[in-house]
Amino acid sequence: MAEITAAAVKALRELTDLPMMACKKALQQADGDQEKAIEILREEAGKIQLKRSDNATTEGRIVVLPSEDGSQTVMLEVVCESAPVATGEDLVNFSDACAAQLLAHPEVNTVEELMALPSEKSPGKTVNDDFMDMLNKIREKIVVSRIARSEGPTGGYVHHDGKTGVLFQAKGDTADADLLRGVAMHIAALKPAVVNESGLDPAVIQEERDRLTAEAKATGKPDNIIDKIVDGRMKTFFVEQGVLVYQPFAVDDSKTVSQALAEKGLEAVSFTRWTIGE
């Protein structure tokens, strides 16, 4: 067996940031081969993940990263067991790096594809290798649980605690970053259910319109006035049903979300809203 020197142990620790005894043990098993020792440590991380596979992951971090020109935005969720790990430097750095990789690789649409990408941190390794290194250091269950992306005029928002994130996609010729982020922030706060009324059950809409029409007709007003009354009350109904475009805009409630977007030549298309644990 090769002699395991203190310098070799120190070098491996500097590479992996793992405890000295764990590094020494791995080097002993690898007969002094540093690369083999790193693989052994990664295998140990896999055993930790398997052992803790049933543990609840109620904490974590959501990252949203837009491109400079507003043409795409990506969102990534990494969940873990404890709050200190969720806000710790290792998970923060790893999740930020993953988001940057997603933005740089628009062809990637699954977690598996993300984890197979080359590591920006360790030449010759993959993102999954970086993940296993982090797991081996932290030693609790961590999962890269989901990714999402949006294209076109798009914006995103993450709440200050990192536990709620939103992607918002619009259509139009102007990518107004502040407005798009403002709508994403609105979605995070007000939790709309759908983008527009087409997302609701048509039967429910018709039932409400019929009810309001009957009430308005009972007033004896002319049909053209009745139509205006019903249309106005339907807008209130849509707000109550959580229709995004009819909601008063959280950034400026003197206008609706639809009106705020229209001022910039934009129209809402879709949104994705995530909260850790939901």
C-alpha atoms as a PDB file:
ATOM      1  CA  MET A   1       0.000   0.000   0.000  1.00  0.00           C
ATOM      2  CA  ALA A   2       1.291   3.413  -0.912  1.00  0.00           C
ATOM      3  CA  GLU A   3       2.261   5.746   1.907  1.00  0.00           C
ATOM      4  CA  ILE A   4      -0.454   8.348   2.478  1.00  0.00           C
ATOM      5  CA  THR A   5       1.318  11.579   3.290  1.00  0.00           C
ATOM      6  CA  ALA A   6      -0.124  14.535   5.145  1.00  0.00           C
ATOM      7  CA  ALA A   7       0.457  16.625   2.035  1.00  0.00           C
ATOM      8  CA  ALA A   8      -1.647  14.233  -0.076  1.00  0.00           C
ATOM      9  CA  VAL A   9      -4.448  14.341   2.467  1.00  0.00           C
ATOM     10  CA  LYS A  10      -4.279  18.124   2.595  1.00  0.00           C
ATOM     11  CA  ALA A  11      -4.366  18.390  -1.212  1.00  0.00           C
ATOM     12  CA  LEU A  12      -7.444  16.160  -1.411  1.00  0.00           C
ATOM     13  CA  ARG A  13      -9.152  18.136   1.322  1.00  0.00           C
ATOM     14  CA  GLU A  14      -8.497  21.380  -0.545  1.00  0.00           C
ATOM     15  CA  LEU A  15     -10.053  19.862  -3.665  1.00  0.00           C
ATOM     16  CA  THR A  16     -13.130  18.422  -1.958  1.00  0.00           C
ATOM     17  CA  ASP A  17     -13.506  20.539   1.204  1.00  0.00           C
ATOM     18  CA  LEU A  18     -14.251  17.301   3.082  1.00  0.00           C
ATOM     19  CA  PRO A  19     -12.962  16.284   6.557  1.00  0.00           C
ATOM     20  CA  MET A  20      -9.314  15.211   6.780  1.00  0.00           C
ATOM     21  CA  MET A  21     -10.169  11.725   8.057  1.00  0.00           C
ATOM     22  CA  ALA A  22     -12.594  11.109   5.196  1.00  0.00           C
ATOM     23  CA  CYS A  23      -9.924  12.198   2.706  1.00  0.00           C
ATOM     24  CA  LYS A  24      -7.280  10.005   4.318  1.00  0.00           C
ATOM     25  CA  LYS A  25      -9.579   6.968   4.316  1.00  0.00           C
ATOM     26  CA  ALA A  26     -10.437   7.482   0.639  1.00  0.00           C
ATOM     27  CA  LEU A  27      -6.747   7.809  -0.278  1.00  0.00           C
ATOM     28  CA  GLN A  28      -5.965   4.612   1.619  1.00  0.00           C
ATOM     29  CA  GLN A  29      -8.697   2.768  -0.272  1.00  0.00           C
ATOM     30  CA  ALA A  30      -7.425   4.226  -3.552  1.00  0.00           C
ATOM     31  CA  ASP A  31      -3.795   3.290  -2.764  1.00  0.00           C
ATOM     32  CA  GLY A  32      -2.831   6.953  -2.922  1.00  0.00           C
ATOM     33  CA  ASP A  33      -4.463   7.710  -6.293  1.00  0.00           C
ATOM     34  CA  GLN A  34      -6.129  11.113  -5.928  1.00  0.00           C
ATOM     35  CA  GLU A  35      -8.620  10.666  -8.805  1.00  0.00           C
ATOM     36  CA  LYS A  36      -9.697   7.260  -7.508  1.00  0.00           C
ATOM     37  CA  ALA A  37     -10.056   8.747  -4.035  1.00  0.00           C
ATOM     38  CA  ILE A  38     -12.380  11.426  -5.397  1.00  0.00           C
ATOM     39  CA  GLU A  39     -14.504   8.738  -7.083  1.00  0.00           C
ATOM     40  CA  ILE A  40     -14.665   6.818  -3.802  1.00  0.00           C
ATOM     41  CA  LEU A  41     -15.843   9.942  -2.022  1.00  0.00           C
ATOM     42  CA  ARG A  42     -18.525  10.453  -4.688  1.00  0.00           C
ATOM     43  CA  GLU A  43     -19.671   6.852  -4.242  1.00  0.00           C
ATOM     44  CA  GLU A  44     -19.983   7.545  -0.531  1.00  0.00           C
ATOM     45  CA  ALA A  45     -22.170  10.535  -1.376  1.00  0.00           C
ATOM     46  CA  GLY A  46     -24.437   8.241  -3.381  1.00  0.00           C
ATOM     47  CA  LYS A  47     -24.779   5.936  -0.372  1.00  0.00           C
ATOM     48  CA  ILE A  48     -25.739   8.923   1.764  1.00  0.00           C
ATOM     49  CA  GLN A  49     -28.406   9.900  -0.756  1.00  0.00           C
ATOM     50  CA  LEU A  50     -29.807   6.357  -0.778  1.00  0.00           C
ATOM     51  CA  LYS A  51     -29.781   6.114   3.019  1.00  0.00           C
ATOM     52  CA  ARG A  52     -31.677   9.394   3.373  1.00  0.00           C
ATOM     53  CA  SER A  53     -33.998   8.853   0.393  1.00  0.00           C
ATOM     54  CA  ASP A  54     -37.136   8.796   2.558  1.00  0.00           C
ATOM     55  CA  ASN A  55     -36.289  12.026   4.394  1.00  0.00           C
ATOM     56  CA  ALA A  56     -38.568  15.005   3.776  1.00  0.00           C
ATOM     57  CA  THR A  57     -37.187  17.863   1.689  1.00  0.00           C
ATOM     58  CA  THR A  58     -39.280  20.793   2.900  1.00  0.00           C
ATOM     59  CA  GLU A  59     -36.551  23.406   2.528  1.00  0.00           C
ATOM     60  CA  GLY A  60     -34.638  24.577  -0.512  1.00  0.00           C
ATOM     61  CA  ARG A  61     -33.936  27.381  -2.912  1.00  0.00           C
ATOM     62  CA  ILE A  62     -35.435  28.613  -6.183  1.00  0.00           C
ATOM     63  CA  VAL A  63     -33.229  30.491  -8.640  1.00  0.00           C
ATOM     64  CA  VAL A  64     -34.509  32.631 -11.521  1.00  0.00           C
ATOM     65  CA  LEU A  65     -32.047  33.942 -14.081  1.00  0.00           C
ATOM     66  CA  PRO A  66     -32.996  36.121 -17.097  1.00  0.00           C
ATOM     67  CA  SER A  67     -30.838  36.705 -20.151  1.00  0.00           C
ATOM     68  CA  GLU A  68     -29.500  40.219 -20.645  1.00  0.00           C
ATOM     69  CA  ASP A  69     -31.772  40.878 -23.632  1.00  0.00           C
ATOM     70  CA  GLY A  70     -34.899  39.468 -21.983  1.00  0.00           C
ATOM     71  CA  SER A  71     -35.291  36.799 -24.666  1.00  0.00           C
ATOM     72  CA  GLN A  72     -35.292  33.938 -22.171  1.00  0.00           C
ATOM     73  CA  THR A  73     -35.521  33.283 -18.455  1.00  0.00           C
ATOM     74  CA  VAL A  74     -34.761  30.058 -16.598  1.00  0.00           C
ATOM     75  CA  MET A  75     -35.922  28.789 -13.219  1.00  0.00           C
ATOM     76  CA  LEU A  76     -34.413  26.031 -11.089  1.00  0.00           C
ATOM     77  CA  GLU A  77     -35.503  24.447  -7.799  1.00  0.00           C
ATOM     78  CA  VAL A  78     -33.156  22.598  -5.443  1.00  0.00           C
ATOM     79  CA  VAL A  79     -34.719  21.099  -2.315  1.00  0.00           C
ATOM     80  CA  CYS A  80     -33.085  19.858   0.870  1.00  0.00           C
ATOM     81  CA  GLU A  81     -33.859  18.863   4.441  1.00  0.00           C
ATOM     82  CA  SER A  82     -32.816  21.889   6.494  1.00  0.00           C
ATOM     83  CA  ALA A  83     -32.957  25.679   6.304  1.00  0.00           C
ATOM     84  CA  PRO A  84     -29.226  26.187   7.057  1.00  0.00           C
ATOM     85  CA  VAL A  85     -28.312  24.043   4.057  1.00  0.00           C
ATOM     86  CA  ALA A  86     -30.831  25.879   1.837  1.00  0.00           C
ATOM     87  CA  THR A  87     -29.133  29.200   2.551  1.00  0.00           C
ATOM     88  CA  GLY A  88     -25.603  27.837   2.873  1.00  0.00           C
ATOM     89  CA  GLU A  89     -22.806  28.851   0.541  1.00  0.00           C
ATOM     90  CA  ASP A  90     -22.436  25.417  -1.066  1.00  0.00           C
ATOM     91  CA  LEU A  91     -26.053  25.025  -2.170  1.00  0.00           C
ATOM     92  CA  VAL A  92     -26.312  28.687  -3.184  1.00  0.00           C
ATOM     93  CA  ASN A  93     -23.195  28.454  -5.356  1.00  0.00           C
ATOM     94  CA  PHE A  94     -24.261  25.141  -6.886  1.00  0.00           C
ATOM     95  CA  SER A  95     -27.797  26.289  -7.715  1.00  0.00           C
ATOM     96  CA  ASP A  96     -26.531  29.574  -9.185  1.00  0.00           C
ATOM     97  CA  ALA A  97     -24.082  27.652 -11.362  1.00  0.00           C
ATOM     98  CA  CYS A  98     -26.861  25.322 -12.533  1.00  0.00           C
ATOM     99  CA  ALA A  99     -29.065  28.272 -13.490  1.00  0.00           C
ATOM    100  CA  ALA A 100     -26.198  29.776 -15.502  1.00  0.00           C
ATOM    101  CA  GLN A 101     -25.719  26.443 -17.258  1.00  0.00           C
ATOM    102  CA  LEU A 102     -29.418  26.305 -18.118  1.00  0.00           C
ATOM    103  CA  LEU A 103     -29.309  29.782 -19.594  1.00  0.00           C
ATOM    104  CA  ALA A 104     -26.227  28.898 -21.654  1.00  0.00           C
ATOM    105  CA  HIS A 105     -27.774  25.664 -22.945  1.00  0.00           C
ATOM    106  CA  PRO A 106     -31.269  26.353 -24.318  1.00  0.00           C
ATOM    107  CA  GLU A 107     -31.472  22.781 -25.588  1.00  0.00           C
ATOM    108  CA  VAL A 108     -31.611  21.454 -22.010  1.00  0.00           C
ATOM    109  CA  ASN A 109     -35.156  20.835 -20.769  1.00  0.00           C
ATOM    110  CA  THR A 110     -34.827  18.151 -18.096  1.00  0.00           C
ATOM    111  CA  VAL A 111     -32.929  17.774 -14.826  1.00  0.00           C
ATOM    112  CA  GLU A 112     -31.191  14.696 -16.245  1.00  0.00           C
ATOM    113  CA  GLU A 113     -29.887  16.697 -19.204  1.00  0.00           C
ATOM    114  CA  LEU A 114     -28.712  19.455 -16.874  1.00  0.00           C
ATOM    115  CA  MET A 115     -26.801  17.058 -14.633  1.00  0.00           C
ATOM    116  CA  ALA A 116     -25.047  15.548 -17.658  1.00  0.00           C
ATOM    117  CA  LEU A 117     -23.614  18.901 -18.782  1.00  0.00           C
ATOM    118  CA  PRO A 118     -19.867  19.509 -18.410  1.00  0.00           C
ATOM    119  CA  SER A 119     -18.894  21.086 -15.116  1.00  0.00           C
ATOM    120  CA  GLU A 120     -17.787  24.712 -15.222  1.00  0.00           C
ATOM    121  CA  LYS A 121     -16.041  24.135 -11.909  1.00  0.00           C
ATOM    122  CA  SER A 122     -14.121  20.918 -12.562  1.00  0.00           C
ATOM    123  CA  PRO A 123     -12.677  20.330 -16.057  1.00  0.00           C
ATOM    124  CA  GLY A 124     -13.423  16.833 -17.328  1.00  0.00           C
ATOM    125  CA  LYS A 125     -16.278  16.353 -14.879  1.00  0.00           C
ATOM    126  CA  THR A 126     -20.045  16.862 -15.065  1.00  0.00           C
ATOM    127  CA  VAL A 127     -22.572  18.928 -13.147  1.00  0.00           C
ATOM    128  CA  ASN A 128     -23.596  15.669 -11.475  1.00  0.00           C
ATOM    129  CA  ASP A 129     -20.029  15.209 -10.230  1.00  0.00           C
ATOM    130  CA  ASP A 130     -20.200  18.676  -8.663  1.00  0.00           C
ATOM    131  CA  PHE A 131     -23.536  17.723  -7.135  1.00  0.00           C
ATOM    132  CA  MET A 132     -22.138  14.532  -5.595  1.00  0.00           C
ATOM    133  CA  ASP A 133     -19.165  16.454  -4.209  1.00  0.00           C
ATOM    134  CA  MET A 134     -21.536  18.901  -2.541  1.00  0.00           C
ATOM    135  CA  LEU A 135     -23.693  16.080  -1.213  1.00  0.00           C
ATOM    136  CA  ASN A 136     -20.715  14.300   0.260  1.00  0.00           C
ATOM    137  CA  LYS A 137     -19.718  17.471   2.079  1.00  0.00           C
ATOM    138  CA  ILE A 138     -23.157  18.407   3.378  1.00  0.00           C
ATOM    139  CA  ARG A 139     -24.408  14.868   4.059  1.00  0.00           C
ATOM    140  CA  GLU A 140     -28.147  15.392   3.881  1.00  0.00           C
ATOM    141  CA  LYS A 141     -30.719  14.709   1.190  1.00  0.00           C
ATOM    142  CA  ILE A 142     -30.542  17.268  -1.622  1.00  0.00           C
ATOM    143  CA  VAL A 143     -32.479  17.041  -4.892  1.00  0.00           C
ATOM    144  CA  VAL A 144     -32.404  19.138  -8.042  1.00  0.00           C
ATOM    145  CA  SER A 145     -36.156  18.769  -8.337  1.00  0.00           C
ATOM    146  CA  ARG A 146     -37.317  20.737 -11.379  1.00  0.00           C
ATOM    147  CA  ILE A 147     -36.357  23.233 -14.052  1.00  0.00           C
ATOM    148  CA  ALA A 148     -38.352  25.543 -16.321  1.00  0.00           C
ATOM    149  CA  ARG A 149     -37.672  28.122 -18.993  1.00  0.00           C
ATOM    150  CA  SER A 150     -39.643  30.731 -20.918  1.00  0.00           C
ATOM    151  CA  GLU A 151     -38.846  32.540 -24.167  1.00  0.00           C
ATOM    152  CA  GLY A 152     -39.916  35.692 -25.969  1.00  0.00           C
ATOM    153  CA  PRO A 153     -40.507  38.840 -23.914  1.00  0.00           C
ATOM    154  CA  THR A 154     -40.050  37.174 -20.549  1.00  0.00           C
ATOM    155  CA  GLY A 155     -39.238  38.018 -16.964  1.00  0.00           C
ATOM    156  CA  GLY A 156     -38.899  36.384 -13.594  1.00  0.00           C
ATOM    157  CA  TYR A 157     -38.958  37.026  -9.883  1.00  0.00           C
ATOM    158  CA  VAL A 158     -37.774  35.253  -6.743  1.00  0.00           C
ATOM    159  CA  HIS A 159     -39.028  36.229  -3.311  1.00  0.00           C
ATOM    160  CA  HIS A 160     -36.332  37.380  -0.885  1.00  0.00           C
ATOM    161  CA  ASP A 161     -36.403  34.073   1.040  1.00  0.00           C
ATOM    162  CA  GLY A 162     -35.735  32.093  -2.147  1.00  0.00           C
ATOM    163  CA  LYS A 163     -38.814  29.932  -1.595  1.00  0.00           C
ATOM    164  CA  THR A 164     -41.171  31.365  -4.234  1.00  0.00           C
ATOM    165  CA  GLY A 165     -40.258  31.901  -7.860  1.00  0.00           C
ATOM    166  CA  VAL A 166     -42.128  32.940 -10.996  1.00  0.00           C
ATOM    167  CA  LEU A 167     -41.522  32.829 -14.735  1.00  0.00           C
ATOM    168  CA  PHE A 168     -43.729  35.080 -16.855  1.00  0.00           C
ATOM    169  CA  GLN A 169     -44.009  35.035 -20.634  1.00  0.00           C
ATOM    170  CA  ALA A 170     -45.612  37.676 -22.823  1.00  0.00           C
ATOM    171  CA  LYS A 171     -45.852  38.351 -26.536  1.00  0.00           C
ATOM    172  CA  GLY A 172     -45.064  41.594 -28.306  1.00  0.00           C
ATOM    173  CA  ASP A 173     -42.143  43.523 -29.726  1.00  0.00           C
ATOM    174  CA  THR A 174     -40.874  45.228 -26.568  1.00  0.00           C
ATOM    175  CA  ALA A 175     -39.056  43.361 -23.802  1.00  0.00           C
ATOM    176  CA  ASP A 176     -39.555  45.855 -20.946  1.00  0.00           C
ATOM    177  CA  ALA A 177     -37.499  44.198 -18.198  1.00  0.00           C
ATOM    178  CA  ASP A 178     -38.943  46.229 -15.318  1.00  0.00           C
ATOM    179  CA  LEU A 179     -42.543  45.632 -16.389  1.00  0.00           C
ATOM    180  CA  LEU A 180     -42.036  41.922 -17.021  1.00  0.00           C
ATOM    181  CA  ARG A 181     -40.361  41.491 -13.641  1.00  0.00           C
ATOM    182  CA  GLY A 182     -43.170  43.542 -12.064  1.00  0.00           C
ATOM    183  CA  VAL A 183     -45.802  41.191 -13.476  1.00  0.00           C
ATOM    184  CA  ALA A 184     -43.808  38.206 -12.228  1.00  0.00           C
ATOM    185  CA  MET A 185     -43.667  39.800  -8.776  1.00  0.00           C
ATOM    186  CA  HIS A 186     -47.436  40.421  -8.967  1.00  0.00           C
ATOM    187  CA  ILE A 187     -47.973  36.720  -9.718  1.00  0.00           C
ATOM    188  CA  ALA A 188     -45.800  35.714  -6.753  1.00  0.00           C
ATOM    189  CA  ALA A 189     -47.813  37.924  -4.399  1.00  0.00           C
ATOM    190  CA  LEU A 190     -51.390  37.568  -5.673  1.00  0.00           C
ATOM    191  CA  LYS A 191     -51.246  33.937  -6.842  1.00  0.00           C
ATOM    192  CA  PRO A 192     -53.521  34.109  -9.909  1.00  0.00           C
ATOM    193  CA  ALA A 193     -54.962  30.794 -11.062  1.00  0.00           C
ATOM    194  CA  VAL A 194     -54.951  31.363 -14.839  1.00  0.00           C
ATOM    195  CA  VAL A 195     -53.644  33.899 -17.358  1.00  0.00           C
ATOM    196  CA  ASN A 196     -56.992  34.828 -18.936  1.00  0.00           C
ATOM    197  CA  GLU A 197     -60.623  33.712 -18.958  1.00  0.00           C
ATOM    198  CA  SER A 198     -59.921  30.973 -21.505  1.00  0.00           C
ATOM    199  CA  GLY A 199     -58.306  29.083 -18.639  1.00  0.00           C
ATOM    200  CA  LEU A 200     -61.633  28.835 -16.802  1.00  0.00           C
ATOM    201  CA  ASP A 201     -64.416  26.313 -17.372  1.00  0.00           C
ATOM    202  CA  PRO A 202     -66.658  27.785 -20.136  1.00  0.00           C
ATOM    203  CA  ALA A 203     -69.751  26.367 -18.411  1.00  0.00           C
ATOM    204  CA  VAL A 204     -68.919  28.233 -15.208  1.00  0.00           C
ATOM    205  CA  ILE A 205     -68.432  31.471 -17.150  1.00  0.00           C
ATOM    206  CA  GLN A 206     -71.752  31.058 -18.966  1.00  0.00           C
ATOM    207  CA  GLU A 207     -73.600  30.236 -15.761  1.00  0.00           C
ATOM    208  CA  GLU A 208     -72.308  33.424 -14.123  1.00  0.00           C
ATOM    209  CA  ARG A 209     -73.101  35.535 -17.187  1.00  0.00           C
ATOM    210  CA  ASP A 210     -76.659  34.143 -17.299  1.00  0.00           C
ATOM    211  CA  ARG A 211     -77.136  34.881 -13.601  1.00  0.00           C
ATOM    212  CA  LEU A 212     -75.879  38.455 -13.932  1.00  0.00           C
ATOM    213  CA  THR A 213     -77.980  39.013 -17.058  1.00  0.00           C
ATOM    214  CA  ALA A 214     -81.134  37.878 -15.277  1.00  0.00           C
ATOM    215  CA  GLU A 215     -80.409  40.220 -12.375  1.00  0.00           C
ATOM    216  CA  ALA A 216     -79.747  43.150 -14.710  1.00  0.00           C
ATOM    217  CA  LYS A 217     -82.913  42.534 -16.749  1.00  0.00           C
ATOM    218  CA  ALA A 218     -84.961  42.677 -13.546  1.00  0.00           C
ATOM    219  CA  THR A 219     -84.021  46.360 -13.265  1.00  0.00           C
ATOM    220  CA  GLY A 220     -85.932  47.136 -16.485  1.00  0.00           C
ATOM    221  CA  LYS A 221     -82.952  48.870 -18.112  1.00  0.00           C
ATOM    222  CA  PRO A 222     -82.469  48.808 -21.922  1.00  0.00           C
ATOM    223  CA  ASP A 223     -80.599  45.854 -23.423  1.00  0.00           C
ATOM    224  CA  ASN A 224     -77.544  47.928 -24.399  1.00  0.00           C
ATOM    225  CA  ILE A 225     -77.203  49.128 -20.797  1.00  0.00           C
ATOM    226  CA  ILE A 226     -77.729  45.605 -19.505  1.00  0.00           C
ATOM    227  CA  ASP A 227     -74.863  44.353 -21.677  1.00  0.00           C
ATOM    228  CA  LYS A 228     -72.520  46.990 -20.239  1.00  0.00           C
ATOM    229  CA  ILE A 229     -73.579  46.178 -16.685  1.00  0.00           C
ATOM    230  CA  VAL A 230     -73.002  42.463 -17.216  1.00  0.00           C
ATOM    231  CA  ASP A 231     -69.623  43.001 -18.875  1.00  0.00           C
ATOM    232  CA  GLY A 232     -68.498  45.147 -15.955  1.00  0.00           C
ATOM    233  CA  ARG A 233     -69.619  42.599 -13.380  1.00  0.00           C
ATOM    234  CA  MET A 234     -67.980  39.767 -15.322  1.00  0.00           C
ATOM    235  CA  LYS A 235     -64.662  41.555 -14.948  1.00  0.00           C
ATOM    236  CA  THR A 236     -65.176  41.516 -11.188  1.00  0.00           C
ATOM    237  CA  PHE A 237     -66.031  37.811 -11.420  1.00  0.00           C
ATOM    238  CA  PHE A 238     -62.822  37.135 -13.338  1.00  0.00           C
ATOM    239  CA  VAL A 239     -60.795  38.907 -10.659  1.00  0.00           C
ATOM    240  CA  GLU A 240     -62.466  36.755  -8.001  1.00  0.00           C
ATOM    241  CA  GLN A 241     -61.614  33.640 -10.018  1.00  0.00           C
ATOM    242  CA  GLY A 242     -57.933  34.592 -10.112  1.00  0.00           C
ATOM    243  CA  VAL A 243     -57.631  35.616 -13.761  1.00  0.00           C
ATOM    244  CA  LEU A 244     -54.294  37.423 -14.061  1.00  0.00           C
ATOM    245  CA  VAL A 245     -55.076  39.938 -16.816  1.00  0.00           C
ATOM    246  CA  TYR A 246     -58.134  41.343 -14.961  1.00  0.00           C
ATOM    247  CA  GLN A 247     -56.389  41.775 -11.600  1.00  0.00           C
ATOM    248  CA  PRO A 248     -55.373  45.286 -10.506  1.00  0.00           C
ATOM    249  CA  PHE A 249     -51.624  45.478 -11.118  1.00  0.00           C
ATOM    250  CA  ALA A 250     -49.779  45.207  -7.801  1.00  0.00           C
ATOM    251  CA  VAL A 251     -47.149  47.733  -8.914  1.00  0.00           C
ATOM    252  CA  ASP A 252     -49.802  50.300  -9.927  1.00  0.00           C
ATOM    253  CA  ASP A 253     -53.367  49.340  -9.015  1.00  0.00           C
ATOM    254  CA  SER A 254     -54.847  52.193 -11.035  1.00  0.00           C
ATOM    255  CA  LYS A 255     -54.651  49.808 -14.012  1.00  0.00           C
ATOM    256  CA  THR A 256     -55.088  46.101 -14.589  1.00  0.00           C
ATOM    257  CA  VAL A 257     -52.244  43.774 -15.491  1.00  0.00           C
ATOM    258  CA  SER A 258     -53.606  43.645 -19.042  1.00  0.00           C
ATOM    259  CA  GLN A 259     -53.652  47.438 -19.304  1.00  0.00           C
ATOM    260  CA  ALA A 260     -50.119  47.770 -17.941  1.00  0.00           C
ATOM    261  CA  LEU A 261     -48.854  45.295 -20.514  1.00  0.00           C
ATOM    262  CA  ALA A 262     -50.843  46.862 -23.355  1.00  0.00           C
ATOM    263  CA  GLU A 263     -49.178  50.232 -22.692  1.00  0.00           C
ATOM    264  CA  LYS A 264     -45.906  48.591 -23.754  1.00  0.00           C
ATOM    265  CA  GLY A 265     -47.427  46.643 -26.637  1.00  0.00           C
ATOM    266  CA  LEU A 266     -47.396  43.389 -24.700  1.00  0.00           C
ATOM    267  CA  GLU A 267     -49.919  40.652 -23.974  1.00  0.00           C
ATOM    268  CA  ALA A 268     -49.765  37.954 -21.293  1.00  0.00           C
ATOM    269  CA  VAL A 269     -49.174  34.412 -22.552  1.00  0.00           C
ATOM    270  CA  SER A 270     -48.289  32.137 -19.633  1.00  0.00           C
ATOM    271  CA  PHE A 271     -46.698  31.918 -16.200  1.00  0.00           C
ATOM    272  CA  THR A 272     -45.125  29.324 -13.925  1.00  0.00           C
ATOM    273  CA  ARG A 273     -45.236  29.830 -10.176  1.00  0.00           C
ATOM    274  CA  TRP A 274     -43.334  27.572  -7.767  1.00  0.00           C
ATOM    275  CA  THR A 275     -43.173  27.487  -3.993  1.00  0.00           C
ATOM    276  CA  ILE A 276     -40.836  25.173  -2.076  1.00  0.00           C
ATOM    277  CA  GLY A 277     -42.893  22.343  -0.600  1.00  0.00           C
ATOM    278  CA  GLU A 278     -45.812  22.734  -3.025  1.00  0.00           C
END
